[in-house]
C-alpha atoms as a PDB file:
ATOM      1  CA  MET A   1      15.690   5.905  -3.141  1.00  0.00           C
ATOM      2  CA  LYS A   2      13.105   5.838  -5.765  1.00  0.00           C
ATOM      3  CA  PRO A   3       9.525   5.380  -4.377  1.00  0.00           C
ATOM      4  CA  ASN A   4       8.308   1.733  -4.641  1.00  0.00           C
ATOM      5  CA  MET A   5       5.144   1.933  -2.729  1.00  0.00           C
ATOM      6  CA  GLY A   6       1.529   2.819  -3.766  1.00  0.00           C
ATOM      7  CA  THR A   7      -1.234   4.525  -1.867  1.00  0.00           C
ATOM      8  CA  ALA A   8      -3.228   1.655  -0.921  1.00  0.00           C
ATOM      9  CA  ASP A   9       0.048  -0.321   0.323  1.00  0.00           C
ATOM     10  CA  ARG A  10       0.941   2.780   2.393  1.00  0.00           C
ATOM     11  CA  ILE A  11      -2.550   2.964   4.051  1.00  0.00           C
ATOM     12  CA  ILE A  12      -2.561  -1.035   4.761  1.00  0.00           C
ATOM     13  CA  ARG A  13       0.775  -0.259   6.627  1.00  0.00           C
ATOM     14  CA  VAL A  14      -0.366   2.552   8.478  1.00  0.00           C
ATOM     15  CA  LEU A  15      -3.509   0.517   9.343  1.00  0.00           C
ATOM     16  CA  LEU A  16      -1.310  -2.267  10.517  1.00  0.00           C
ATOM     17  CA  ALA A  17       1.014  -0.529  12.522  1.00  0.00           C
ATOM     18  CA  ALA A  18      -2.102   1.121  14.418  1.00  0.00           C
ATOM     19  CA  VAL A  19      -3.533  -2.680  14.733  1.00  0.00           C
ATOM     20  CA  PHE A  20      -0.010  -3.614  16.426  1.00  0.00           C
ATOM     21  CA  ALA A  21      -0.033  -0.614  18.727  1.00  0.00           C
ATOM     22  CA  TYR A  22      -3.523  -1.156  19.901  1.00  0.00           C
ATOM     23  CA  LEU A  23      -2.600  -4.757  20.685  1.00  0.00           C
ATOM     24  CA  TYR A  24       0.551  -3.905  22.703  1.00  0.00           C
ATOM     25  CA  PHE A  25      -0.701  -1.036  24.563  1.00  0.00           C
ATOM     26  CA  SER A  26      -3.891  -2.563  25.463  1.00  0.00           C
ATOM     27  CA  GLY A  27      -1.962  -5.301  26.994  1.00  0.00           C
ATOM     28  CA  THR A  28      -3.307  -8.083  24.738  1.00  0.00           C
ATOM     29  CA  VAL A  29       0.021  -9.034  23.490  1.00  0.00           C
ATOM     30  CA  THR A  30       2.831  -8.398  25.942  1.00  0.00           C
ATOM     31  CA  GLY A  31       6.475  -9.882  26.299  1.00  0.00           C
ATOM     32  CA  THR A  32       8.679 -10.414  23.537  1.00  0.00           C
ATOM     33  CA  TRP A  33       5.921 -10.788  21.035  1.00  0.00           C
ATOM     34  CA  GLY A  34       4.689  -7.439  22.122  1.00  0.00           C
ATOM     35  CA  LEU A  35       7.950  -5.625  21.380  1.00  0.00           C
ATOM     36  CA  VAL A  36       8.255  -7.501  17.803  1.00  0.00           C
ATOM     37  CA  LEU A  37       5.035  -6.000  16.878  1.00  0.00           C
ATOM     38  CA  VAL A  38       5.806  -2.362  18.137  1.00  0.00           C
ATOM     39  CA  ILE A  39       9.207  -2.557  16.242  1.00  0.00           C
ATOM     40  CA  LEU A  40       7.515  -4.010  13.194  1.00  0.00           C
ATOM     41  CA  GLY A  41       4.750  -1.260  13.412  1.00  0.00           C
ATOM     42  CA  ALA A  42       7.299   1.644  13.516  1.00  0.00           C
ATOM     43  CA  VAL A  43       9.120   0.039  10.726  1.00  0.00           C
ATOM     44  CA  PHE A  44       5.977  -0.026   8.909  1.00  0.00           C
ATOM     45  CA  VAL A  45       4.934   3.563   9.364  1.00  0.00           C
ATOM     46  CA  LEU A  46       8.806   4.550   8.568  1.00  0.00           C
ATOM     47  CA  THR A  47       8.763   2.845   5.209  1.00  0.00           C
ATOM     48  CA  SER A  48       5.268   4.484   4.741  1.00  0.00           C
ATOM     49  CA  VAL A  49       6.309   7.926   5.306  1.00  0.00           C
ATOM     50  CA  ILE A  50       9.243   7.676   2.991  1.00  0.00           C
ATOM     51  CA  SER A  51       7.261   5.715   0.315  1.00  0.00           C
ATOM     52  CA  PHE A  52      10.277   3.137   0.043  1.00  0.00           C
ATOM     53  CA  CYS A  53      10.403  -0.633   1.546  1.00  0.00           C
ATOM     54  CA  PRO A  54      14.050  -1.904   1.040  1.00  0.00           C
ATOM     55  CA  LEU A  55      12.786  -5.520   0.473  1.00  0.00           C
ATOM     56  CA  TYR A  56      10.697  -4.654  -2.372  1.00  0.00           C
ATOM     57  CA  PRO A  57      13.680  -4.531  -4.652  1.00  0.00           C
ATOM     58  CA  LEU A  58      15.047  -7.514  -3.355  1.00  0.00           C
ATOM     59  CA  VAL A  59      11.871  -9.553  -4.643  1.00  0.00           C
ATOM     60  CA  GLY A  60      11.125  -7.371  -7.585  1.00  0.00           C
ATOM     61  CA  ILE A  61       8.178  -5.954  -6.264  1.00  0.00           C
ATOM     62  CA  ASN A  62       6.927  -2.163  -6.968  1.00  0.00           C
ATOM     63  CA  THR A  63       3.118  -0.902  -6.088  1.00  0.00           C
ATOM     64  CA  CYS A  64       3.938   2.547  -6.915  1.00  0.00           C
ATOM     65  CA  PRO A  65       2.328   3.893 -10.155  1.00  0.00           C
ATOM     66  CA  LYS A  66       4.133   4.867 -13.194  1.00  0.00           C
ATOM     67  CA  LYS A  67       4.185   8.486 -13.409  1.00  0.00           C
ATOM     68  CA  ASN A  68       3.835   9.838 -17.124  1.00  0.00           C
ATOM     69  CA  ASN A  69       6.239  12.739 -17.816  1.00  0.00           C
END
């Protein structure tokens, strides 16, 4: 897996995951929608940690900056 996520993309995903967690654990969003948000937040954090989004190659997106070697 080659990284396909840039720093800005990773930060946005972690911030969204934090918002989703807050909405769920504060009781603002409950039930099925709350669980969907928590699972989506977990996926966002996981993909941010490994710098790879499995959906990006399918749609041809790569936000990772090119490295000059």
